[in-house]
C-alpha atoms as a PDB file:
ATOM      1  CA  LEU A   1     -15.120 -22.933  10.504  1.00  0.00           C
ATOM      2  CA  CYS A   2     -12.626 -21.508  12.771  1.00  0.00           C
ATOM      3  CA  ALA A   3     -13.991 -20.495  16.183  1.00  0.00           C
ATOM      4  CA  LEU A   4     -14.564 -16.848  16.254  1.00  0.00           C
ATOM      5  CA  PRO A   5     -12.672 -16.230  19.423  1.00  0.00           C
ATOM      6  CA  ALA A   6      -9.337 -17.278  17.467  1.00  0.00           C
ATOM      7  CA  TRP A   7      -9.862 -14.385  14.989  1.00  0.00           C
ATOM      8  CA  GLY A   8     -10.190 -11.884  17.853  1.00  0.00           C
ATOM      9  CA  GLU A   9      -6.610 -12.593  19.260  1.00  0.00           C
ATOM     10  CA  PRO A  10      -3.553 -10.842  18.863  1.00  0.00           C
ATOM     11  CA  GLN A  11      -3.235  -7.541   9.550  1.00  0.00           C
ATOM     12  CA  SER A  12      -0.041  -6.022   9.709  1.00  0.00           C
ATOM     13  CA  TRP A  13       1.643  -2.716   9.792  1.00  0.00           C
ATOM     14  CA  ALA A  14       5.338  -2.294   9.670  1.00  0.00           C
ATOM     15  CA  TRP A  15       8.126  -0.297  11.517  1.00  0.00           C
ATOM     16  CA  ASP A  16      11.339   0.492   9.988  1.00  0.00           C
ATOM     17  CA  ASP A  17      13.242  -2.253  11.713  1.00  0.00           C
ATOM     18  CA  GLY A  18      10.909  -4.829   9.812  1.00  0.00           C
ATOM     19  CA  THR A  19       8.802  -5.674  12.733  1.00  0.00           C
ATOM     20  CA  VAL A  20       5.041  -5.580  12.417  1.00  0.00           C
ATOM     21  CA  PRO A  21       2.667  -4.139  15.139  1.00  0.00           C
ATOM     22  CA  TYR A  22      -0.192  -6.312  14.689  1.00  0.00           C
ATOM     23  CA  VAL A  23      -3.754  -5.008  13.506  1.00  0.00           C
ATOM     24  CA  ASN A  24      -6.512  -7.367  12.490  1.00  0.00           C
ATOM     25  CA  THR A  25      -7.904  -7.274   8.881  1.00  0.00           C
ATOM     26  CA  PRO A  26     -11.554  -7.292   9.180  1.00  0.00           C
ATOM     27  CA  MET A  27     -13.010 -10.481   7.776  1.00  0.00           C
ATOM     28  CA  GLU A  28     -15.188  -8.419   5.309  1.00  0.00           C
ATOM     29  CA  VAL A  29     -11.924  -6.941   3.913  1.00  0.00           C
ATOM     30  CA  VAL A  30     -10.390 -10.364   3.779  1.00  0.00           C
ATOM     31  CA  GLU A  31     -13.269 -11.719   1.691  1.00  0.00           C
ATOM     32  CA  ARG A  32     -13.045  -8.765  -0.683  1.00  0.00           C
ATOM     33  CA  MET A  33      -9.210  -8.909  -1.167  1.00  0.00           C
ATOM     34  CA  LEU A  34      -9.420 -12.592  -2.021  1.00  0.00           C
ATOM     35  CA  ARG A  35     -12.421 -11.940  -4.316  1.00  0.00           C
ATOM     36  CA  MET A  36     -10.549  -9.132  -6.154  1.00  0.00           C
ATOM     37  CA  ALA A  37      -7.491 -11.459  -6.577  1.00  0.00           C
ATOM     38  CA  GLU A  38      -9.832 -14.101  -7.887  1.00  0.00           C
ATOM     39  CA  VAL A  39      -8.218 -16.721  -5.522  1.00  0.00           C
ATOM     40  CA  ARG A  40      -9.140 -20.175  -6.512  1.00  0.00           C
ATOM     41  CA  ALA A  41      -7.851 -23.854  -6.477  1.00  0.00           C
ATOM     42  CA  GLY A  42      -4.550 -24.031  -8.013  1.00  0.00           C
ATOM     43  CA  ASP A  43      -3.226 -20.639  -6.804  1.00  0.00           C
ATOM     44  CA  SER A  44      -0.179 -20.167  -4.481  1.00  0.00           C
ATOM     45  CA  VAL A  45      -0.924 -17.334  -1.956  1.00  0.00           C
ATOM     46  CA  ILE A  46       1.833 -15.668   0.035  1.00  0.00           C
ATOM     47  CA  ASP A  47       0.625 -13.346   2.925  1.00  0.00           C
ATOM     48  CA  LEU A  48       3.379 -10.929   4.004  1.00  0.00           C
ATOM     49  CA  GLY A  49       2.681 -10.287   7.691  1.00  0.00           C
ATOM     50  CA  SER A  50       0.221 -12.943   8.161  1.00  0.00           C
ATOM     51  CA  GLY A  51      -0.804 -12.272  11.830  1.00  0.00           C
ATOM     52  CA  ASP A  52      -3.457 -14.788  13.002  1.00  0.00           C
ATOM     53  CA  GLY A  53      -3.394 -16.455   9.459  1.00  0.00           C
ATOM     54  CA  ARG A  54      -6.828 -15.404   8.520  1.00  0.00           C
ATOM     55  CA  ILE A  55      -5.953 -14.534   4.853  1.00  0.00           C
ATOM     56  CA  VAL A  56      -3.844 -17.800   4.121  1.00  0.00           C
ATOM     57  CA  ILE A  57      -6.749 -19.850   5.897  1.00  0.00           C
ATOM     58  CA  GLU A  58      -9.471 -18.287   3.903  1.00  0.00           C
ATOM     59  CA  ALA A  59      -7.555 -18.754   0.741  1.00  0.00           C
ATOM     60  CA  ALA A  60      -6.963 -22.387   1.575  1.00  0.00           C
ATOM     61  CA  LYS A  61     -10.833 -22.871   2.012  1.00  0.00           C
ATOM     62  CA  ARG A  62     -11.018 -21.898  -1.715  1.00  0.00           C
ATOM     63  CA  GLY A  63      -8.537 -24.548  -2.681  1.00  0.00           C
ATOM     64  CA  ALA A  64      -5.465 -22.521  -2.939  1.00  0.00           C
ATOM     65  CA  ARG A  65      -2.149 -23.260  -1.141  1.00  0.00           C
ATOM     66  CA  GLY A  66      -0.891 -20.642   1.025  1.00  0.00           C
ATOM     67  CA  LEU A  67       2.060 -19.584   3.226  1.00  0.00           C
ATOM     68  CA  GLY A  68       2.004 -16.900   5.694  1.00  0.00           C
ATOM     69  CA  VAL A  69       5.099 -15.183   7.081  1.00  0.00           C
ATOM     70  CA  ASP A  70       5.489 -13.242  10.222  1.00  0.00           C
ATOM     71  CA  LEU A  71       8.443 -12.105  12.432  1.00  0.00           C
ATOM     72  CA  ASP A  72       6.247 -12.977  15.714  1.00  0.00           C
ATOM     73  CA  ALA A  73       6.713 -16.497  16.553  1.00  0.00           C
ATOM     74  CA  ALA A  74       3.534 -16.358  18.855  1.00  0.00           C
ATOM     75  CA  LEU A  75       1.468 -15.371  15.890  1.00  0.00           C
ATOM     76  CA  VAL A  76       2.865 -17.868  13.656  1.00  0.00           C
ATOM     77  CA  LYS A  77       1.924 -20.558  16.327  1.00  0.00           C
ATOM     78  CA  LEU A  78      -1.595 -19.001  16.656  1.00  0.00           C
ATOM     79  CA  ALA A  79      -2.050 -18.975  12.824  1.00  0.00           C
ATOM     80  CA  THR A  80      -0.950 -22.723  12.653  1.00  0.00           C
ATOM     81  CA  ARG A  81      -3.603 -23.639  15.384  1.00  0.00           C
ATOM     82  CA  ASN A  82      -6.297 -21.659  13.484  1.00  0.00           C
ATOM     83  CA  ALA A  83      -5.389 -23.545  10.388  1.00  0.00           C
ATOM     84  CA  GLU A  84      -5.815 -26.787  12.177  1.00  0.00           C
ATOM     85  CA  ARG A  85      -9.073 -25.810  13.651  1.00  0.00           C
ATOM     86  CA  ALA A  86     -10.307 -24.767  10.198  1.00  0.00           C
ATOM     87  CA  GLY A  87      -9.313 -28.032   8.823  1.00  0.00           C
ATOM     88  CA  VAL A  88      -6.981 -26.603   6.138  1.00  0.00           C
ATOM     89  CA  ALA A  89      -3.501 -27.327   7.769  1.00  0.00           C
ATOM     90  CA  ASP A  90      -2.480 -29.333   4.749  1.00  0.00           C
ATOM     91  CA  ARG A  91      -2.824 -26.390   2.629  1.00  0.00           C
ATOM     92  CA  ALA A  92      -1.956 -23.422   4.866  1.00  0.00           C
ATOM     93  CA  ARG A  93       1.455 -23.309   6.515  1.00  0.00           C
ATOM     94  CA  PHE A  94       3.254 -20.418   8.575  1.00  0.00           C
ATOM     95  CA  GLU A  95       6.743 -19.468   9.130  1.00  0.00           C
ATOM     96  CA  VAL A  96       8.811 -17.093  11.221  1.00  0.00           C
ATOM     97  CA  LYS A  97      10.380 -15.041   8.716  1.00  0.00           C
ATOM     98  CA  ASP A  98      11.330 -11.440   7.455  1.00  0.00           C
ATOM     99  CA  ILE A  99       9.210 -10.372   4.623  1.00  0.00           C
ATOM    100  CA  PHE A 100      12.254  -9.156   2.806  1.00  0.00           C
ATOM    101  CA  ALA A 101      13.883 -12.730   3.088  1.00  0.00           C
ATOM    102  CA  THR A 102      10.718 -14.480   1.687  1.00  0.00           C
ATOM    103  CA  ASP A 103      11.043 -16.197  -1.782  1.00  0.00           C
ATOM    104  CA  LEU A 104       7.985 -14.791  -3.675  1.00  0.00           C
ATOM    105  CA  SER A 105       8.714 -16.513  -6.982  1.00  0.00           C
ATOM    106  CA  ARG A 106       6.362 -19.188  -6.718  1.00  0.00           C
ATOM    107  CA  ALA A 107       3.301 -16.953  -5.729  1.00  0.00           C
ATOM    108  CA  SER A 108       0.468 -16.359  -8.020  1.00  0.00           C
ATOM    109  CA  VAL A 109      -1.049 -14.124  -5.445  1.00  0.00           C
ATOM    110  CA  VAL A 110       0.668 -11.919  -2.929  1.00  0.00           C
ATOM    111  CA  THR A 111      -1.341 -10.190   0.003  1.00  0.00           C
ATOM    112  CA  ILE A 112      -0.090  -7.286   2.075  1.00  0.00           C
ATOM    113  CA  TYR A 113      -1.307  -5.097   4.848  1.00  0.00           C
ATOM    114  CA  LEU A 114       1.808  -3.017   5.479  1.00  0.00           C
ATOM    115  CA  LEU A 115       2.882   0.575   5.795  1.00  0.00           C
ATOM    116  CA  PRO A 116       3.184   2.210   2.252  1.00  0.00           C
ATOM    117  CA  ASP A 117       7.039   2.802   2.951  1.00  0.00           C
ATOM    118  CA  PHE A 118       7.480  -0.853   3.064  1.00  0.00           C
ATOM    119  CA  ASN A 119       5.226  -1.552   0.136  1.00  0.00           C
ATOM    120  CA  VAL A 120       7.819   0.751  -1.798  1.00  0.00           C
ATOM    121  CA  LYS A 121      10.642  -1.290  -0.867  1.00  0.00           C
ATOM    122  CA  LEU A 122       8.985  -4.341  -2.014  1.00  0.00           C
ATOM    123  CA  LYS A 123       7.964  -2.782  -5.304  1.00  0.00           C
ATOM    124  CA  ASP A 124      10.805  -3.913  -7.547  1.00  0.00           C
ATOM    125  CA  ARG A 125      10.693  -7.577  -6.214  1.00  0.00           C
ATOM    126  CA  LEU A 126       6.789  -7.471  -6.933  1.00  0.00           C
ATOM    127  CA  LEU A 127       7.340  -6.256 -10.468  1.00  0.00           C
ATOM    128  CA  ALA A 128       9.846  -8.875 -11.123  1.00  0.00           C
ATOM    129  CA  LEU A 129       7.204 -11.640 -10.525  1.00  0.00           C
ATOM    130  CA  LYS A 130       5.771 -13.590 -13.310  1.00  0.00           C
ATOM    131  CA  PRO A 131       3.350 -11.459 -15.420  1.00  0.00           C
ATOM    132  CA  GLY A 132      -0.228 -12.055 -14.296  1.00  0.00           C
ATOM    133  CA  THR A 133       0.769 -12.405 -10.534  1.00  0.00           C
ATOM    134  CA  ARG A 134      -1.853 -10.576  -8.631  1.00  0.00           C
ATOM    135  CA  ILE A 135      -0.980  -8.446  -5.739  1.00  0.00           C
ATOM    136  CA  VAL A 136      -3.722  -7.141  -3.264  1.00  0.00           C
ATOM    137  CA  SER A 137      -3.109  -4.412  -0.559  1.00  0.00           C
ATOM    138  CA  HIS A 138      -5.372  -3.420   2.369  1.00  0.00           C
ATOM    139  CA  ASP A 139      -4.713   0.307   2.951  1.00  0.00           C
ATOM    140  CA  GLY A 140      -1.282   0.599   1.318  1.00  0.00           C
ATOM    141  CA  SER A 141      -0.248   1.818  -2.066  1.00  0.00           C
ATOM    142  CA  ILE A 142       2.875   0.695  -3.826  1.00  0.00           C
ATOM    143  CA  GLY A 143       4.836   3.850  -4.453  1.00  0.00           C
ATOM    144  CA  ASP A 144       3.894   5.428  -7.983  1.00  0.00           C
ATOM    145  CA  TRP A 145       2.696   1.987  -9.448  1.00  0.00           C
ATOM    146  CA  PRO A 146      -1.083   2.648 -10.188  1.00  0.00           C
ATOM    147  CA  ALA A 147      -3.495   0.000  -9.017  1.00  0.00           C
ATOM    148  CA  ASP A 148      -5.455  -1.925 -11.727  1.00  0.00           C
ATOM    149  CA  GLU A 149      -8.503  -2.017  -9.515  1.00  0.00           C
ATOM    150  CA  THR A 150      -9.499  -0.180  -6.342  1.00  0.00           C
ATOM    151  CA  HIS A 151     -12.363  -0.758  -3.865  1.00  0.00           C
ATOM    152  CA  GLU A 152     -13.298   1.189  -0.908  1.00  0.00           C
ATOM    153  CA  LEU A 153     -15.708  -0.120   1.853  1.00  0.00           C
ATOM    154  CA  ARG A 154     -16.839   0.811   5.392  1.00  0.00           C
ATOM    155  CA  THR A 155     -15.811  -1.517   8.263  1.00  0.00           C
ATOM    156  CA  PRO A 156     -16.731  -0.084  11.603  1.00  0.00           C
ATOM    157  CA  GLU A 157     -14.903  -2.964  13.265  1.00  0.00           C
ATOM    158  CA  LYS A 158     -11.563  -1.660  11.827  1.00  0.00           C
ATOM    159  CA  PRO A 159      -9.360  -0.918  14.881  1.00  0.00           C
ATOM    160  CA  VAL A 160      -7.221   1.830  13.294  1.00  0.00           C
ATOM    161  CA  GLY A 161      -7.999   5.109  11.497  1.00  0.00           C
ATOM    162  CA  LEU A 162     -11.128   7.170  11.552  1.00  0.00           C
ATOM    163  CA  GLY A 163     -14.512   6.337  10.013  1.00  0.00           C
ATOM    164  CA  GLY A 164     -13.784   2.683   9.474  1.00  0.00           C
ATOM    165  CA  LEU A 165     -12.867   3.189   5.886  1.00  0.00           C
ATOM    166  CA  SER A 166     -10.761   0.377   4.279  1.00  0.00           C
ATOM    167  CA  LYS A 167      -9.219   0.828   0.758  1.00  0.00           C
ATOM    168  CA  ILE A 168      -8.206  -2.328  -1.234  1.00  0.00           C
ATOM    169  CA  GLU A 169      -6.131  -2.221  -4.217  1.00  0.00           C
ATOM    170  CA  LEU A 170      -5.199  -4.837  -6.680  1.00  0.00           C
ATOM    171  CA  TRP A 171      -2.138  -4.784  -9.037  1.00  0.00           C
ATOM    172  CA  ILE A 172      -1.489  -7.365 -11.808  1.00  0.00           C
ATOM    173  CA  VAL A 173       2.130  -7.706 -12.709  1.00  0.00           C
ATOM    174  CA  PRO A 174       2.474  -6.570 -16.305  1.00  0.00           C
ATOM    175  CA  ALA A 175       4.328  -8.250 -18.997  1.00  0.00           C
ATOM    176  CA  ASP A 176       7.120  -6.352 -20.717  1.00  0.00           C
ATOM    177  CA  VAL A 177       5.744  -5.054 -24.037  1.00  0.00           C
ATOM    178  CA  HIS A 178       7.796  -2.072 -24.751  1.00  0.00           C
ATOM    179  CA  GLY A 179       9.500  -1.532 -27.924  1.00  0.00           C
ATOM    180  CA  ALA A 180       8.944  -1.860 -31.712  1.00  0.00           C
ATOM    181  CA  TRP A 181       6.583  -4.777 -33.016  1.00  0.00           C
ATOM    182  CA  THR A 182       5.733  -6.056 -36.527  1.00  0.00           C
ATOM    183  CA  SER A 183       2.555  -7.889 -37.669  1.00  0.00           C
ATOM    184  CA  GLU A 184       1.699  -9.053 -40.962  1.00  0.00           C
ATOM    185  CA  GLN A 185      -2.050  -8.793 -42.011  1.00  0.00           C
ATOM    186  CA  PRO A 186      -2.059  -9.957 -45.663  1.00  0.00           C
ATOM    187  CA  ARG A 187      -5.726  -9.493 -45.894  1.00  0.00           C
ATOM    188  CA  HIS A 188      -6.002  -6.352 -44.051  1.00  0.00           C
ATOM    189  CA  GLY A 189      -3.328  -3.678 -44.204  1.00  0.00           C
ATOM    190  CA  GLY A 190      -0.289  -5.761 -45.077  1.00  0.00           C
ATOM    191  CA  THR A 191       2.588  -4.977 -42.615  1.00  0.00           C
ATOM    192  CA  TRP A 192       1.442  -3.292 -39.472  1.00  0.00           C
ATOM    193  CA  ARG A 193       4.040  -1.623 -37.131  1.00  0.00           C
ATOM    194  CA  PHE A 194       3.548  -0.826 -33.392  1.00  0.00           C
ATOM    195  CA  ARG A 195       5.706   1.229 -31.290  1.00  0.00           C
ATOM    196  CA  ILE A 196       4.943   0.729 -27.569  1.00  0.00           C
ATOM    197  CA  GLY A 197       6.125   2.803 -24.685  1.00  0.00           C
ATOM    198  CA  GLN A 198       5.445   1.437 -21.339  1.00  0.00           C
ATOM    199  CA  ARG A 199       5.213   2.553 -17.714  1.00  0.00           C
ATOM    200  CA  TYR A 200       4.169  -0.124 -15.444  1.00  0.00           C
ATOM    201  CA  GLN A 201       0.757  -1.327 -17.129  1.00  0.00           C
ATOM    202  CA  MET A 202       0.216   1.945 -18.701  1.00  0.00           C
ATOM    203  CA  LEU A 203       0.970   2.018 -22.520  1.00  0.00           C
ATOM    204  CA  ASP A 204       1.613   4.726 -25.142  1.00  0.00           C
ATOM    205  CA  VAL A 205       1.192   3.060 -28.479  1.00  0.00           C
ATOM    206  CA  GLN A 206       1.668   4.401 -32.071  1.00  0.00           C
ATOM    207  CA  ALA A 207       0.431   2.141 -34.947  1.00  0.00           C
ATOM    208  CA  VAL A 208       1.023   2.373 -38.668  1.00  0.00           C
ATOM    209  CA  ALA A 209      -0.409   0.376 -41.519  1.00  0.00           C
ATOM    210  CA  GLU A 210       0.059   0.840 -45.314  1.00  0.00           C
ATOM    211  CA  GLY A 211       2.457   3.664 -44.277  1.00  0.00           C
ATOM    212  CA  ARG A 212      -0.278   5.477 -42.616  1.00  0.00           C
ATOM    213  CA  GLU A 213      -0.517   6.305 -38.789  1.00  0.00           C
ATOM    214  CA  LEU A 214      -3.831   5.305 -37.299  1.00  0.00           C
ATOM    215  CA  VAL A 215      -5.594   6.538 -34.278  1.00  0.00           C
ATOM    216  CA  VAL A 216      -4.972   4.567 -31.143  1.00  0.00           C
ATOM    217  CA  ARG A 217      -8.103   5.121 -28.970  1.00  0.00           C
ATOM    218  CA  ASN A 218      -7.624   2.825 -26.027  1.00  0.00           C
ATOM    219  CA  THR A 219      -5.075   0.411 -24.610  1.00  0.00           C
ATOM    220  CA  ARG A 220      -4.981  -1.945 -21.810  1.00  0.00           C
ATOM    221  CA  LEU A 221      -2.307  -4.256 -20.293  1.00  0.00           C
ATOM    222  CA  ARG A 222      -3.539  -6.639 -17.789  1.00  0.00           C
ATOM    223  CA  GLY A 223      -0.831  -9.343 -16.861  1.00  0.00           C
ATOM    224  CA  GLU A 224      -0.004 -10.812 -20.272  1.00  0.00           C
ATOM    225  CA  GLU A 225      -3.258  -9.643 -21.998  1.00  0.00           C
ATOM    226  CA  VAL A 226      -2.819  -6.904 -24.421  1.00  0.00           C
ATOM    227  CA  LYS A 227      -5.884  -4.957 -25.860  1.00  0.00           C
ATOM    228  CA  LEU A 228      -5.594  -2.124 -28.433  1.00  0.00           C
ATOM    229  CA  VAL A 229      -8.557  -0.226 -30.041  1.00  0.00           C
ATOM    230  CA  ILE A 230      -7.430   1.404 -33.357  1.00  0.00           C
ATOM    231  CA  THR A 231      -9.353   3.389 -35.865  1.00  0.00           C
ATOM    232  CA  GLY A 232      -8.397   4.760 -39.259  1.00  0.00           C
ATOM    233  CA  LEU A 233      -8.196   4.225 -43.065  1.00  0.00           C
ATOM    234  CA  VAL A 234      -7.125   0.858 -44.337  1.00  0.00           C
ATOM    235  CA  GLY A 235      -7.456   0.346 -48.253  1.00  0.00           C
ATOM    236  CA  SER A 236      -9.121   3.771 -48.512  1.00  0.00           C
ATOM    237  CA  ARG A 237     -12.068   2.764 -46.111  1.00  0.00           C
ATOM    238  CA  PRO A 238     -12.560   3.600 -42.391  1.00  0.00           C
ATOM    239  CA  TRP A 239     -12.249   0.717 -39.937  1.00  0.00           C
ATOM    240  CA  HIS A 240     -12.429  -0.065 -36.372  1.00  0.00           C
ATOM    241  CA  HIS A 241      -9.704  -2.538 -35.219  1.00  0.00           C
ATOM    242  CA  TYR A 242      -9.956  -4.433 -31.854  1.00  0.00           C
ATOM    243  CA  PHE A 243      -6.557  -6.355 -31.186  1.00  0.00           C
ATOM    244  CA  VAL A 244      -6.521  -8.869 -28.317  1.00  0.00           C
ATOM    245  CA  GLY A 245      -3.441 -10.979 -27.656  1.00  0.00           C
ATOM    246  CA  THR A 246      -1.433 -12.669 -24.992  1.00  0.00           C
ATOM    247  CA  ALA A 247       2.216 -11.432 -24.693  1.00  0.00           C
ATOM    248  CA  ARG A 248       4.956 -13.905 -24.020  1.00  0.00           C
ATOM    249  CA  GLY A 249       8.654 -12.934 -24.559  1.00  0.00           C
ATOM    250  CA  ASP A 250       9.037 -11.397 -27.974  1.00  0.00           C
ATOM    251  CA  ALA A 251       5.646 -12.517 -29.351  1.00  0.00           C
ATOM    252  CA  ILE A 252       2.017 -11.487 -29.167  1.00  0.00           C
ATOM    253  CA  ASP A 253      -0.685 -13.912 -30.164  1.00  0.00           C
ATOM    254  CA  GLY A 254      -4.271 -13.432 -30.403  1.00  0.00           C
ATOM    255  CA  THR A 255      -6.997 -11.956 -32.693  1.00  0.00           C
ATOM    256  CA  LEU A 256      -7.825  -8.942 -34.671  1.00  0.00           C
ATOM    257  CA  THR A 257     -11.436  -7.988 -35.144  1.00  0.00           C
ATOM    258  CA  VAL A 258     -12.104  -5.531 -37.833  1.00  0.00           C
ATOM    259  CA  SER A 259     -15.514  -3.719 -38.349  1.00  0.00           C
ATOM    260  CA  ASP A 260     -16.921  -1.054 -40.799  1.00  0.00           C
ATOM    261  CA  GLY A 261     -19.936  -0.501 -38.555  1.00  0.00           C
ATOM    262  CA  SER A 262     -22.124  -3.060 -40.481  1.00  0.00           C
ATOM    263  CA  ALA A 263     -20.054  -6.311 -40.578  1.00  0.00           C
ATOM    264  CA  GLN A 264     -17.076  -7.560 -38.811  1.00  0.00           C
ATOM    265  CA  THR A 265     -14.305 -10.153 -39.617  1.00  0.00           C
ATOM    266  CA  VAL A 266     -11.964 -11.808 -37.144  1.00  0.00           C
ATOM    267  CA  TYR A 267      -8.239 -12.547 -38.205  1.00  0.00           C
ATOM    268  CA  PRO A 268      -5.319 -14.302 -36.353  1.00  0.00           C
ATOM    269  CA  TRP A 269      -3.003 -11.786 -34.932  1.00  0.00           C
ATOM    270  CA  HIS A 270       0.701 -12.567 -34.377  1.00  0.00           C
ATOM    271  CA  ALA A 271       3.138  -9.771 -33.590  1.00  0.00           C
ATOM    272  CA  THR A 272       6.834 -10.139 -32.921  1.00  0.00           C
ATOM    273  CA  ARG A 273       9.238  -7.624 -31.265  1.00  0.00           C
ATOM    274  CA  ASP A 274      11.938  -6.114 -33.376  1.00  0.00           C
ATOM    275  CA  ARG A 275      15.462  -6.887 -31.916  1.00  0.00           C
END
């Protein structure tokens, strides 16, 4: 383990010129951030404003590879030493770099502890990442993009703010599923048509089968995973429909589970986007 004094040396807040006044992220918050992002072996973690390197180092201990960027060369040197002391220098590296000049395209996880104004400036770049990429922030929203998960915890050792309250938020980059979709279910309803409106991961779905509009009760888009709960009459009988699929490009593939309350049947689900 890294010697405790190293963590006490001079995670990040940002001024308008892109520099970052250094504030430690409490280790309890680091642990929770990585847990919410489900960091594991095979992940590529990029920490924007990496300070003493603690997030990248803890991610590397979980088997991930990490890159931390910071404008402060002294902090980059400190983080590099801390990675060496922790025995993860082969999986944790640090660079002196502007967060806005950092290539994020290979990241499966992005971690941030920045002022909300800076998060807003990053929003479009984050949304353009591969669907399923996880973004986790300590004490900073990303404009009007609603978080997928939020967790608050008290951290008395937190050096800023009152009451030692930390807010951790997780976003999962959503796939693009907006538009009109068609699915053939020859054994249940024939041709299904879906019209999907999308704002970030929030969906507004209309569903029609056998020429009849059904009730869409619940939806969820989490990365590439689409879930729809739809009820209504099909073949003159009331049914509960549970669609679960993976969206890639102009196709969604998964399963449709139908139930009448006493028995259920599972069918393959394949939908294509109308072009």
